[in-house]
Protein backbone atom coordinates (compact mmCIF):
# COMPACT_ATOMS: atom_id res chain seq x y z
CA UNK A 1 0.00 0.00 0.00
CA UNK A 2 1.47 3.34 -1.00
CA UNK A 3 0.86 6.63 0.72
CA UNK A 4 0.56 10.01 -0.90
CA UNK A 5 3.29 12.56 -0.28
CA UNK A 6 0.50 14.73 1.15
CA UNK A 7 -0.04 12.17 3.94
CA UNK A 8 3.58 11.90 5.05
CA UNK A 9 4.40 13.53 8.38
CA UNK A 10 8.05 14.08 7.44
CA UNK A 11 7.28 15.92 4.18
CA UNK A 12 8.22 19.58 3.63
CA UNK A 13 5.59 21.70 1.90
CA UNK A 14 5.35 25.08 0.25
CA UNK A 15 2.31 27.26 -0.44
CA UNK A 16 1.09 27.91 -3.97
CA UNK A 17 -1.20 30.73 -5.09
CA UNK A 18 -2.94 31.14 -8.44
CA UNK A 19 -4.21 34.17 -10.38
CA UNK A 20 -7.59 33.92 -8.60
CA UNK A 21 -5.89 34.25 -5.16
CA UNK A 22 -6.62 30.61 -4.34
CA UNK A 23 -4.09 28.71 -2.22
CA UNK A 24 -2.77 25.16 -2.08
CA UNK A 25 -0.13 23.27 -0.17
CA UNK A 26 2.44 21.51 -2.33
CA UNK A 27 5.42 19.22 -1.74
CA UNK A 28 8.57 21.35 -1.99
CA UNK A 29 10.30 18.93 -4.36
CA UNK A 30 7.53 18.74 -6.97
CA UNK A 31 7.51 21.10 -9.94
CA UNK A 32 5.06 23.96 -9.51
CA UNK A 33 2.15 23.39 -11.92
CA UNK A 34 1.27 25.91 -14.59
CA UNK A 35 -0.94 28.74 -13.40
CA UNK A 36 0.43 28.60 -9.84
CA UNK A 37 3.28 30.44 -8.11
CA UNK A 38 5.11 29.60 -4.90
CA UNK A 39 4.48 32.05 -2.04
CA UNK A 40 7.88 33.35 -0.93
CA UNK A 41 9.01 32.58 2.60
CA UNK A 42 6.40 29.93 3.40
CA UNK A 43 7.85 26.46 3.81
CA UNK A 44 7.53 23.82 6.49
CA UNK A 45 5.65 20.83 7.76
CA UNK A 46 2.03 20.26 6.78
CA UNK A 47 0.59 21.92 9.90
CA UNK A 48 2.74 25.05 9.50
CA UNK A 49 1.77 25.48 5.87
CA UNK A 50 -1.93 24.77 6.48
CA UNK A 51 -1.94 27.26 9.38
CA UNK A 52 -0.54 29.91 7.01
CA UNK A 53 -3.18 29.14 4.37
CA UNK A 54 -5.99 29.19 6.94
CA UNK A 55 -4.93 32.57 8.36
CA UNK A 56 -4.28 34.12 4.93
CA UNK A 57 -7.05 32.75 2.71
CA UNK A 58 -10.00 34.15 4.62
CA UNK A 59 -12.27 34.79 1.62
CA UNK A 60 -12.75 31.65 -0.43
CA UNK A 61 -14.32 33.47 -3.37
CA UNK A 62 -12.09 33.67 -6.47
CA UNK A 63 -10.64 37.13 -7.17
CA UNK A 64 -12.76 37.54 -10.32
CA UNK A 65 -15.95 36.97 -8.31
CA UNK A 66 -14.88 39.39 -5.56
CA UNK A 67 -14.12 42.06 -8.18
CA UNK A 68 -17.42 41.47 -9.98
CA UNK A 69 -19.39 41.64 -6.72
CA UNK A 70 -17.60 44.85 -5.72
CA UNK A 71 -18.42 46.40 -9.11
CA UNK A 72 -22.08 45.45 -8.59
CA UNK A 73 -22.07 46.93 -5.08
CA UNK A 74 -22.78 43.50 -3.60
CA UNK A 75 -21.61 42.39 -0.16
CA UNK A 76 -19.89 39.11 0.56
CA UNK A 77 -22.20 36.57 2.17
CA UNK A 78 -22.16 36.99 5.95
CA UNK A 79 -20.65 40.47 5.88
CA UNK A 80 -22.35 43.38 7.58
CA UNK A 81 -24.33 45.84 5.49
CA UNK A 82 -22.74 49.29 5.13
CA UNK A 83 -23.75 51.70 7.88
CA UNK A 84 -26.87 53.64 6.99
CA UNK A 85 -28.10 50.95 4.62
CA UNK A 86 -31.74 49.90 4.90
CA UNK A 87 -32.24 46.14 4.74
CA UNK A 88 -34.92 45.12 2.26
PDB file of N, CA and C in Angstrom:
ATOM      1  N   UNK A   1       0.845  -1.188   0.000  1.00  0.00           N
ATOM      2  CA  UNK A   1       0.000   0.000   0.000  1.00  0.00           C
ATOM      3  C   UNK A   1       0.884   1.243   0.000  1.00  0.00           C
ATOM      4  N   UNK A   2       0.664   2.117  -0.939  1.00  0.00           N
ATOM      5  CA  UNK A   2       1.473   3.335  -0.996  1.00  0.00           C
ATOM      6  C   UNK A   2       0.720   4.488  -0.334  1.00  0.00           C
ATOM      7  N   UNK A   3       1.470   5.443   0.138  1.00  0.00           N
ATOM      8  CA  UNK A   3       0.858   6.632   0.721  1.00  0.00           C
ATOM      9  C   UNK A   3       1.220   7.838  -0.124  1.00  0.00           C
ATOM     10  N   UNK A   4       0.334   8.773  -0.168  1.00  0.00           N
ATOM     11  CA  UNK A   4       0.560  10.011  -0.904  1.00  0.00           C
ATOM     12  C   UNK A   4       1.581  10.863  -0.168  1.00  0.00           C
ATOM     13  N   UNK A   5       2.335  11.649  -0.918  1.00  0.00           N
ATOM     14  CA  UNK A   5       3.285  12.561  -0.278  1.00  0.00           C
ATOM     15  C   UNK A   5       2.550  13.574   0.602  1.00  0.00           C
ATOM     16  N   UNK A   6       1.275  13.795   0.342  1.00  0.00           N
ATOM     17  CA  UNK A   6       0.497  14.734   1.153  1.00  0.00           C
ATOM     18  C   UNK A   6       0.156  14.151   2.528  1.00  0.00           C
ATOM     19  N   UNK A   7       0.270  12.837   2.672  1.00  0.00           N
ATOM     20  CA  UNK A   7      -0.037  12.170   3.938  1.00  0.00           C
ATOM     21  C   UNK A   7       1.185  11.952   4.819  1.00  0.00           C
ATOM     22  N   UNK A   8       2.356  12.176   4.297  1.00  0.00           N
ATOM     23  CA  UNK A   8       3.581  11.901   5.051  1.00  0.00           C
ATOM     24  C   UNK A   8       3.842  12.995   6.071  1.00  0.00           C
ATOM     25  N   UNK A   9       4.129  12.575   7.281  1.00  0.00           N
ATOM     26  CA  UNK A   9       4.401  13.527   8.377  1.00  0.00           C
ATOM     27  C   UNK A   9       5.763  14.190   8.239  1.00  0.00           C
ATOM     28  N   UNK A  10       6.695  13.536   7.548  1.00  0.00           N
ATOM     29  CA  UNK A  10       8.046  14.081   7.438  1.00  0.00           C
ATOM     30  C   UNK A  10       8.255  14.909   6.167  1.00  0.00           C
ATOM     31  N   UNK A  11       7.194  15.167   5.432  1.00  0.00           N
ATOM     32  CA  UNK A  11       7.283  15.924   4.180  1.00  0.00           C
ATOM     33  C   UNK A  11       7.423  17.419   4.459  1.00  0.00           C
ATOM     34  N   UNK A  12       8.124  18.123   3.574  1.00  0.00           N
ATOM     35  CA  UNK A  12       8.222  19.580   3.631  1.00  0.00           C
ATOM     36  C   UNK A  12       7.357  20.137   2.507  1.00  0.00           C
ATOM     37  N   UNK A  13       6.525  21.125   2.857  1.00  0.00           N
ATOM     38  CA  UNK A  13       5.588  21.697   1.899  1.00  0.00           C
ATOM     39  C   UNK A  13       5.872  23.182   1.673  1.00  0.00           C
ATOM     40  N   UNK A  14       5.368  23.660   0.549  1.00  0.00           N
ATOM     41  CA  UNK A  14       5.350  25.084   0.248  1.00  0.00           C
ATOM     42  C   UNK A  14       3.894  25.465  -0.006  1.00  0.00           C
ATOM     43  N   UNK A  15       3.648  26.758  -0.139  1.00  0.00           N
ATOM     44  CA  UNK A  15       2.307  27.257  -0.443  1.00  0.00           C
ATOM     45  C   UNK A  15       2.308  27.777  -1.873  1.00  0.00           C
ATOM     46  N   UNK A  16       1.283  27.403  -2.617  1.00  0.00           N
ATOM     47  CA  UNK A  16       1.088  27.914  -3.972  1.00  0.00           C
ATOM     48  C   UNK A  16      -0.117  28.839  -3.988  1.00  0.00           C
ATOM     49  N   UNK A  17      -0.088  29.796  -4.906  1.00  0.00           N
ATOM     50  CA  UNK A  17      -1.205  30.731  -5.089  1.00  0.00           C
ATOM     51  C   UNK A  17      -1.411  30.919  -6.586  1.00  0.00           C
ATOM     52  N   UNK A  18      -2.675  30.945  -7.023  1.00  0.00           N
ATOM     53  CA  UNK A  18      -2.945  31.143  -8.444  1.00  0.00           C
ATOM     54  C   UNK A  18      -3.458  32.562  -8.720  1.00  0.00           C
ATOM     55  N   UNK A  19      -3.777  32.834  -9.968  1.00  0.00           N
ATOM     56  CA  UNK A  19      -4.211  34.174 -10.379  1.00  0.00           C
ATOM     57  C   UNK A  19      -5.553  34.579  -9.778  1.00  0.00           C
ATOM     58  N   UNK A  20      -6.301  33.634  -9.240  1.00  0.00           N
ATOM     59  CA  UNK A  20      -7.591  33.924  -8.599  1.00  0.00           C
ATOM     60  C   UNK A  20      -7.438  34.065  -7.083  1.00  0.00           C
ATOM     61  N   UNK A  21      -6.192  34.134  -6.591  1.00  0.00           N
ATOM     62  CA  UNK A  21      -5.892  34.251  -5.156  1.00  0.00           C
ATOM     63  C   UNK A  21      -6.368  33.028  -4.375  1.00  0.00           C
ATOM     64  N   UNK A  22      -6.309  31.870  -5.004  1.00  0.00           N
ATOM     65  CA  UNK A  22      -6.619  30.611  -4.336  1.00  0.00           C
ATOM     66  C   UNK A  22      -5.305  29.955  -3.927  1.00  0.00           C
ATOM     67  N   UNK A  23      -5.304  29.262  -2.799  1.00  0.00           N
ATOM     68  CA  UNK A  23      -4.089  28.708  -2.222  1.00  0.00           C
ATOM     69  C   UNK A  23      -4.112  27.190  -2.211  1.00  0.00           C
ATOM     70  N   UNK A  24      -2.913  26.607  -2.183  1.00  0.00           N
ATOM     71  CA  UNK A  24      -2.765  25.160  -2.082  1.00  0.00           C
ATOM     72  C   UNK A  24      -1.447  24.842  -1.398  1.00  0.00           C
ATOM     73  N   UNK A  25      -1.423  23.732  -0.650  1.00  0.00           N
ATOM     74  CA  UNK A  25      -0.131  23.269  -0.166  1.00  0.00           C
ATOM     75  C   UNK A  25       0.441  22.343  -1.218  1.00  0.00           C
ATOM     76  N   UNK A  26       1.782  22.261  -1.272  1.00  0.00           N
ATOM     77  CA  UNK A  26       2.436  21.506  -2.331  1.00  0.00           C
ATOM     78  C   UNK A  26       3.763  20.980  -1.825  1.00  0.00           C
ATOM     79  N   UNK A  27       4.115  19.737  -2.149  1.00  0.00           N
ATOM     80  CA  UNK A  27       5.424  19.222  -1.740  1.00  0.00           C
ATOM     81  C   UNK A  27       6.537  20.082  -2.342  1.00  0.00           C
ATOM     82  N   UNK A  28       7.527  20.415  -1.542  1.00  0.00           N
ATOM     83  CA  UNK A  28       8.568  21.349  -1.990  1.00  0.00           C
ATOM     84  C   UNK A  28       9.381  20.820  -3.162  1.00  0.00           C
ATOM     85  N   UNK A  29       9.460  19.526  -3.324  1.00  0.00           N
ATOM     86  CA  UNK A  29      10.297  18.929  -4.357  1.00  0.00           C
ATOM     87  C   UNK A  29       9.592  18.747  -5.702  1.00  0.00           C
ATOM     88  N   UNK A  30       8.262  18.914  -5.716  1.00  0.00           N
ATOM     89  CA  UNK A  30       7.526  18.741  -6.974  1.00  0.00           C
ATOM     90  C   UNK A  30       7.531  20.046  -7.761  1.00  0.00           C
ATOM     91  N   UNK A  31       7.565  19.916  -9.081  1.00  0.00           N
ATOM     92  CA  UNK A  31       7.505  21.099  -9.944  1.00  0.00           C
ATOM     93  C   UNK A  31       6.185  21.829  -9.717  1.00  0.00           C
ATOM     94  N   UNK A  32       6.264  23.136  -9.691  1.00  0.00           N
ATOM     95  CA  UNK A  32       5.060  23.962  -9.510  1.00  0.00           C
ATOM     96  C   UNK A  32       4.245  23.886 -10.803  1.00  0.00           C
ATOM     97  N   UNK A  33       2.969  23.513 -10.708  1.00  0.00           N
ATOM     98  CA  UNK A  33       2.148  23.387 -11.918  1.00  0.00           C
ATOM     99  C   UNK A  33       1.868  24.743 -12.560  1.00  0.00           C
ATOM    100  N   UNK A  34       1.607  24.706 -13.853  1.00  0.00           N
ATOM    101  CA  UNK A  34       1.271  25.915 -14.594  1.00  0.00           C
ATOM    102  C   UNK A  34       0.084  26.633 -13.974  1.00  0.00           C
ATOM    103  N   UNK A  35       0.141  27.944 -13.956  1.00  0.00           N
ATOM    104  CA  UNK A  35      -0.941  28.745 -13.399  1.00  0.00           C
ATOM    105  C   UNK A  35      -0.810  29.001 -11.906  1.00  0.00           C
ATOM    106  N   UNK A  36       0.198  28.438 -11.278  1.00  0.00           N
ATOM    107  CA  UNK A  36       0.427  28.598  -9.843  1.00  0.00           C
ATOM    108  C   UNK A  36       1.814  29.176  -9.613  1.00  0.00           C
ATOM    109  N   UNK A  37       1.986  29.896  -8.512  1.00  0.00           N
ATOM    110  CA  UNK A  37       3.281  30.444  -8.106  1.00  0.00           C
ATOM    111  C   UNK A  37       3.508  30.123  -6.646  1.00  0.00           C
ATOM    112  N   UNK A  38       4.767  29.853  -6.299  1.00  0.00           N
ATOM    113  CA  UNK A  38       5.115  29.601  -4.901  1.00  0.00           C
ATOM    114  C   UNK A  38       5.075  30.917  -4.132  1.00  0.00           C
ATOM    115  N   UNK A  39       4.502  30.881  -2.931  1.00  0.00           N
ATOM    116  CA  UNK A  39       4.482  32.046  -2.042  1.00  0.00           C
ATOM    117  C   UNK A  39       5.838  32.098  -1.355  1.00  0.00           C
ATOM    118  N   UNK A  40       6.538  33.206  -1.503  1.00  0.00           N
ATOM    119  CA  UNK A  40       7.876  33.353  -0.930  1.00  0.00           C
ATOM    120  C   UNK A  40       7.844  33.289   0.593  1.00  0.00           C
ATOM    121  N   UNK A  41       8.827  32.594   1.151  1.00  0.00           N
ATOM    122  CA  UNK A  41       9.014  32.579   2.595  1.00  0.00           C
ATOM    123  C   UNK A  41       8.111  31.647   3.377  1.00  0.00           C
ATOM    124  N   UNK A  42       7.291  30.865   2.695  1.00  0.00           N
ATOM    125  CA  UNK A  42       6.405  29.934   3.405  1.00  0.00           C
ATOM    126  C   UNK A  42       6.818  28.518   3.029  1.00  0.00           C
ATOM    127  N   UNK A  43       7.349  27.816   4.028  1.00  0.00           N
ATOM    128  CA  UNK A  43       7.846  26.459   3.815  1.00  0.00           C
ATOM    129  C   UNK A  43       7.886  25.777   5.173  1.00  0.00           C
ATOM    130  N   UNK A  44       7.461  24.531   5.229  1.00  0.00           N
ATOM    131  CA  UNK A  44       7.531  23.824   6.494  1.00  0.00           C
ATOM    132  C   UNK A  44       6.729  22.546   6.470  1.00  0.00           C
ATOM    133  N   UNK A  45       6.452  22.042   7.666  1.00  0.00           N
ATOM    134  CA  UNK A  45       5.653  20.826   7.756  1.00  0.00           C
ATOM    135  C   UNK A  45       4.206  21.148   7.375  1.00  0.00           C
ATOM    136  N   UNK A  46       3.405  20.100   7.250  1.00  0.00           N
ATOM    137  CA  UNK A  46       2.027  20.265   6.778  1.00  0.00           C
ATOM    138  C   UNK A  46       1.227  21.214   7.666  1.00  0.00           C
ATOM    139  N   UNK A  47       1.350  21.073   8.985  1.00  0.00           N
ATOM    140  CA  UNK A  47       0.589  21.924   9.903  1.00  0.00           C
ATOM    141  C   UNK A  47       0.978  23.392   9.748  1.00  0.00           C
ATOM    142  N   UNK A  48       2.262  23.671   9.654  1.00  0.00           N
ATOM    143  CA  UNK A  48       2.737  25.050   9.504  1.00  0.00           C
ATOM    144  C   UNK A  48       2.177  25.689   8.240  1.00  0.00           C
ATOM    145  N   UNK A  49       2.235  24.950   7.150  1.00  0.00           N
ATOM    146  CA  UNK A  49       1.767  25.476   5.866  1.00  0.00           C
ATOM    147  C   UNK A  49       0.244  25.635   5.870  1.00  0.00           C
ATOM    148  N   UNK A  50      -0.472  24.653   6.411  1.00  0.00           N
ATOM    149  CA  UNK A  50      -1.932  24.770   6.479  1.00  0.00           C
ATOM    150  C   UNK A  50      -2.362  25.909   7.408  1.00  0.00           C
ATOM    151  N   UNK A  51      -1.638  26.129   8.497  1.00  0.00           N
ATOM    152  CA  UNK A  51      -1.941  27.265   9.379  1.00  0.00           C
ATOM    153  C   UNK A  51      -1.786  28.584   8.631  1.00  0.00           C
ATOM    154  N   UNK A  52      -0.739  28.696   7.812  1.00  0.00           N
ATOM    155  CA  UNK A  52      -0.544  29.911   7.008  1.00  0.00           C
ATOM    156  C   UNK A  52      -1.712  30.100   6.045  1.00  0.00           C
ATOM    157  N   UNK A  53      -2.083  29.037   5.339  1.00  0.00           N
ATOM    158  CA  UNK A  53      -3.182  29.136   4.371  1.00  0.00           C
ATOM    159  C   UNK A  53      -4.472  29.527   5.083  1.00  0.00           C
ATOM    160  N   UNK A  54      -4.762  28.898   6.209  1.00  0.00           N
ATOM    161  CA  UNK A  54      -5.993  29.190   6.940  1.00  0.00           C
ATOM    162  C   UNK A  54      -6.050  30.645   7.407  1.00  0.00           C
ATOM    163  N   UNK A  55      -4.924  31.189   7.857  1.00  0.00           N
ATOM    164  CA  UNK A  55      -4.932  32.567   8.359  1.00  0.00           C
ATOM    165  C   UNK A  55      -4.878  33.595   7.227  1.00  0.00           C
ATOM    166  N   UNK A  56      -4.424  33.192   6.051  1.00  0.00           N
ATOM    167  CA  UNK A  56      -4.281  34.125   4.928  1.00  0.00           C
ATOM    168  C   UNK A  56      -5.475  34.096   3.982  1.00  0.00           C
ATOM    169  N   UNK A  57      -5.972  32.913   3.689  1.00  0.00           N
ATOM    170  CA  UNK A  57      -7.051  32.747   2.711  1.00  0.00           C
ATOM    171  C   UNK A  57      -8.381  32.791   3.438  1.00  0.00           C
ATOM    172  N   UNK A  58      -8.797  33.986   3.801  1.00  0.00           N
ATOM    173  CA  UNK A  58      -9.997  34.152   4.617  1.00  0.00           C
ATOM    174  C   UNK A  58     -11.271  34.342   3.784  1.00  0.00           C
ATOM    175  N   UNK A  59     -11.120  34.637   2.519  1.00  0.00           N
ATOM    176  CA  UNK A  59     -12.274  34.790   1.625  1.00  0.00           C
ATOM    177  C   UNK A  59     -12.102  33.783   0.496  1.00  0.00           C
ATOM    178  N   UNK A  60     -12.918  32.747   0.510  1.00  0.00           N
ATOM    179  CA  UNK A  60     -12.754  31.646  -0.432  1.00  0.00           C
ATOM    180  C   UNK A  60     -13.220  31.980  -1.858  1.00  0.00           C
ATOM    181  N   UNK A  61     -13.864  33.120  -2.028  1.00  0.00           N
ATOM    182  CA  UNK A  61     -14.323  33.474  -3.371  1.00  0.00           C
ATOM    183  C   UNK A  61     -13.120  33.777  -4.268  1.00  0.00           C
ATOM    184  N   UNK A  62     -13.161  33.320  -5.532  1.00  0.00           N
ATOM    185  CA  UNK A  62     -12.089  33.668  -6.466  1.00  0.00           C
ATOM    186  C   UNK A  62     -12.015  35.189  -6.653  1.00  0.00           C
ATOM    187  N   UNK A  63     -10.840  35.693  -6.983  1.00  0.00           N
ATOM    188  CA  UNK A  63     -10.636  37.132  -7.173  1.00  0.00           C
ATOM    189  C   UNK A  63     -11.632  37.708  -8.174  1.00  0.00           C
ATOM    190  N   UNK A  64     -11.853  37.015  -9.296  1.00  0.00           N
ATOM    191  CA  UNK A  64     -12.760  37.537 -10.320  1.00  0.00           C
ATOM    192  C   UNK A  64     -14.172  37.722  -9.767  1.00  0.00           C
ATOM    193  N   UNK A  65     -14.633  36.827  -8.907  1.00  0.00           N
ATOM    194  CA  UNK A  65     -15.955  36.972  -8.305  1.00  0.00           C
ATOM    195  C   UNK A  65     -15.978  38.139  -7.322  1.00  0.00           C
ATOM    196  N   UNK A  66     -14.938  38.260  -6.504  1.00  0.00           N
ATOM    197  CA  UNK A  66     -14.884  39.386  -5.556  1.00  0.00           C
ATOM    198  C   UNK A  66     -14.916  40.716  -6.301  1.00  0.00           C
ATOM    199  N   UNK A  67     -14.148  40.811  -7.390  1.00  0.00           N
ATOM    200  CA  UNK A  67     -14.120  42.059  -8.176  1.00  0.00           C
ATOM    201  C   UNK A  67     -15.473  42.335  -8.824  1.00  0.00           C
ATOM    202  N   UNK A  68     -16.110  41.300  -9.362  1.00  0.00           N
ATOM    203  CA  UNK A  68     -17.418  41.470  -9.980  1.00  0.00           C
ATOM    204  C   UNK A  68     -18.438  41.922  -8.945  1.00  0.00           C
ATOM    205  N   UNK A  69     -18.439  41.267  -7.772  1.00  0.00           N
ATOM    206  CA  UNK A  69     -19.386  41.637  -6.719  1.00  0.00           C
ATOM    207  C   UNK A  69     -19.159  43.072  -6.255  1.00  0.00           C
ATOM    208  N   UNK A  70     -17.908  43.479  -6.128  1.00  0.00           N
ATOM    209  CA  UNK A  70     -17.604  44.853  -5.719  1.00  0.00           C
ATOM    210  C   UNK A  70     -18.116  45.841  -6.766  1.00  0.00           C
ATOM    211  N   UNK A  71     -17.948  45.519  -8.042  1.00  0.00           N
ATOM    212  CA  UNK A  71     -18.422  46.397  -9.112  1.00  0.00           C
ATOM    213  C   UNK A  71     -19.941  46.502  -9.122  1.00  0.00           C
ATOM    214  N   UNK A  72     -20.619  45.453  -8.653  1.00  0.00           N
ATOM    215  CA  UNK A  72     -22.084  45.449  -8.588  1.00  0.00           C
ATOM    216  C   UNK A  72     -22.604  46.065  -7.293  1.00  0.00           C
ATOM    217  N   UNK A  73     -21.673  46.400  -6.385  1.00  0.00           N
ATOM    218  CA  UNK A  73     -22.075  46.934  -5.084  1.00  0.00           C
ATOM    219  C   UNK A  73     -22.633  45.866  -4.159  1.00  0.00           C
ATOM    220  N   UNK A  74     -22.274  44.619  -4.405  1.00  0.00           N
ATOM    221  CA  UNK A  74     -22.778  43.504  -3.597  1.00  0.00           C
ATOM    222  C   UNK A  74     -21.829  43.212  -2.444  1.00  0.00           C
ATOM    223  N   UNK A  75     -22.391  42.765  -1.328  1.00  0.00           N
ATOM    224  CA  UNK A  75     -21.613  42.385  -0.156  1.00  0.00           C
ATOM    225  C   UNK A  75     -21.310  40.894  -0.202  1.00  0.00           C
ATOM    226  N   UNK A  76     -20.209  40.530   0.415  1.00  0.00           N
ATOM    227  CA  UNK A  76     -19.887  39.114   0.562  1.00  0.00           C
ATOM    228  C   UNK A  76     -20.906  38.484   1.495  1.00  0.00           C
ATOM    229  N   UNK A  77     -21.276  37.237   1.261  1.00  0.00           N
ATOM    230  CA  UNK A  77     -22.205  36.569   2.173  1.00  0.00           C
ATOM    231  C   UNK A  77     -21.676  36.608   3.608  1.00  0.00           C
ATOM    232  N   UNK A  78     -22.547  36.947   4.542  1.00  0.00           N
ATOM    233  CA  UNK A  78     -22.165  36.990   5.954  1.00  0.00           C
ATOM    234  C   UNK A  78     -21.525  38.283   6.390  1.00  0.00           C
ATOM    235  N   UNK A  79     -21.249  39.206   5.464  1.00  0.00           N
ATOM    236  CA  UNK A  79     -20.646  40.475   5.876  1.00  0.00           C
ATOM    237  C   UNK A  79     -21.746  41.461   6.259  1.00  0.00           C
ATOM    238  N   UNK A  80     -21.390  42.396   7.098  1.00  0.00           N
ATOM    239  CA  UNK A  80     -22.351  43.382   7.577  1.00  0.00           C
ATOM    240  C   UNK A  80     -22.693  44.368   6.464  1.00  0.00           C
ATOM    241  N   UNK A  81     -23.918  44.821   6.449  1.00  0.00           N
ATOM    242  CA  UNK A  81     -24.328  45.837   5.493  1.00  0.00           C
ATOM    243  C   UNK A  81     -23.645  47.147   5.846  1.00  0.00           C
ATOM    244  N   UNK A  82     -23.349  47.986   4.851  1.00  0.00           N
ATOM    245  CA  UNK A  82     -22.736  49.288   5.128  1.00  0.00           C
ATOM    246  C   UNK A  82     -23.599  50.095   6.082  1.00  0.00           C
ATOM    247  N   UNK A  83     -22.987  50.895   6.931  1.00  0.00           N
ATOM    248  CA  UNK A  83     -23.755  51.695   7.877  1.00  0.00           C
ATOM    249  C   UNK A  83     -24.686  52.636   7.116  1.00  0.00           C
ATOM    250  N   UNK A  84     -25.877  52.772   7.636  1.00  0.00           N
ATOM    251  CA  UNK A  84     -26.872  53.636   6.994  1.00  0.00           C
ATOM    252  C   UNK A  84     -27.690  52.917   5.933  1.00  0.00           C
ATOM    253  N   UNK A  85     -27.358  51.691   5.637  1.00  0.00           N
ATOM    254  CA  UNK A  85     -28.096  50.946   4.619  1.00  0.00           C
ATOM    255  C   UNK A  85     -29.385  50.412   5.229  1.00  0.00           C
ATOM    256  N   UNK A  86     -30.448  50.442   4.448  1.00  0.00           N
ATOM    257  CA  UNK A  86     -31.737  49.897   4.902  1.00  0.00           C
ATOM    258  C   UNK A  86     -31.881  48.488   4.362  1.00  0.00           C
ATOM    259  N   UNK A  87     -32.010  47.502   5.239  1.00  0.00           N
ATOM    260  CA  UNK A  87     -32.237  46.137   4.736  1.00  0.00           C
ATOM    261  C   UNK A  87     -33.586  46.049   4.043  1.00  0.00           C
ATOM    262  N   UNK A  88     -33.665  45.255   3.020  1.00  0.00           N
ATOM    263  CA  UNK A  88     -34.920  45.117   2.263  1.00  0.00           C
ATOM    264  C   UNK A  88     -35.882  44.209   2.980  1.00  0.00           C
TER     265      UNK A  88
END
